[in-house]
Amino acid sequence: MSRSRARFLVSACAGATALIVLGTAPPASAAAPNEACTGLYNARITFWAMTCSQPGEPMIGGFATWRNIPITFDQVDTGSATVQVANYLRVSPNTSSSPLAPNIEIGLYAEKTGKTTHTYGPRWSELTTSGGRTQAIKAGVNPTKPDKRNHTYMTVRQDSGNQWDVLYDFNKVGSTTKQLKVLGGNTNRIDVGLEVTGPQYINVPSLANRMQFMTGNKVWQQVATANVAKSVTLPVCSASHKPPNCFTTKLTDNSKFTQWTLSKPRRQAAASPAAATQSRDAAVADLPATFNGVDQQALQACLENDPDNCLGTVPGLSECVASIRICNAAALPSAGEAEDAGADADVSAADIRARAAAAFDVPGDSVAVEPSVSPAVLKKRSNAADGSGDTAWKVTSTSPTPGLQRTDRHFDGFTARYSAHTGALLEACWGALCDAS
């Protein structure tokens, strides 16, 4: 997230009032949310190649898919400066009060942690006007490996109430606690795309984002092209704008959003090692034929070849996602480390203090780092990454912080856990969401 947003967001949503029951709001003509997109995804040191879509009708689900591509970082010392990449789906269920409304973010994140080390893997976050929280995801097949495997990212509103479940590779990994009621009309947004900080050190190869939303009638649809806005805050790569400070982007569409393809080249980046996708036969050899009503052979084949159509083509999958929400036997949550660790990757308290201070935008001397602790320090959540297999540094500060939201709004302190071996962020909370149950 950026360290500053456009000033029109300063007064963002102190909370929705006079909420309307789903479906009772007056009809509205959909339109591309251009002002919201350029305001939210525009800052001085962070850069985006982002799409923002306004379906124009009630939205109770969001879905995206892309491959775990190899992201590389220059092997140079960047000190405590934040150098990171995030490709994510963000769903804002109710934007009636402000574009910067409570939302759910799920995606793939990579961060440079040293001269030759970096983290890589999925996580999900809940971001609100009173605080936020984020958790690494320990589910899926090789979620922390850049093996070019397809993965799916999804959030779906629960059948009752206003909260949403978060699914990775069609398995539930968490639930929200502070989302607002879904309304009708133009009161929501679904965003997908790339965010980079420190582009001069980063190489992101071509990444193809495919996205859909679920209507109030529980039908998955593509967004109409006319309802899609873009915020691309580096120049387009060309003869006059050469890497590393440029993006390549292409929105593949006719009348519907089909694919948002992008890259952030780094001319002098080290060549990525060949990363072949693991054989599907090996991945499914020991799986049951059917798991929670889902044809597992069909699911694994679909994930590899056509992941954005799995809900409509894999027998039993849509029913499972709508009810049990644990649907992929090959991708169940694990108790292993949240990051694929290299040799000699252990990190010191000083390293973690510097990274946490930079990440949460607080003074370094306000950050307390305790020795490796039990994962019970932060509350466990059902099927979420609670770090049960990791030793971790517990990091706290009571200083005002924007958390990982990077808006002009500040919150009272944060608590985080980082892997003591790899330095990967395992989970964090800031503001009132540290007290969320």
Foldseek 3Di string as FASTA:
>chain_A
DAQEFPPVCPPPDPDDPPDDAAPPDDQDDFFAPAVLAQRQQDHDQKFWWKKKFFQFWQFFKKKKKKWLADKFFALDFPDLFKWKKWWWKKKAQFQPRHSPAWIKIKTWMKTDQGSHAIFIFIKIKTQHLQWIKIFQAQWDDPRRDSQRFMKMWMWGAAPDDGKIFTAILLATAFIDDDHDHHYTGRTIMMMTTMMTGPLQGIWWPKMKMAMWTAHPVRDTDFGFPRRMYTGGHFDDDDPVRHPQGHKHWDQDDDGGGGIIIMIRHHVPTDDDPNRHDDDLCVLCVPPDCADQQWRAVLSSVCSRPPVVCCCPPTGPSVVCCNPVSGGHPSIAGDLAASGDFDPPQFDDPVSLLSNVCNQFVHDSVQKDKDFFDALVVAPDGPNHQSNRHAGWIKIKGQDWTPHNSSYPDTAGIKIWIAGRRHRHTRMMITGPCSVPD
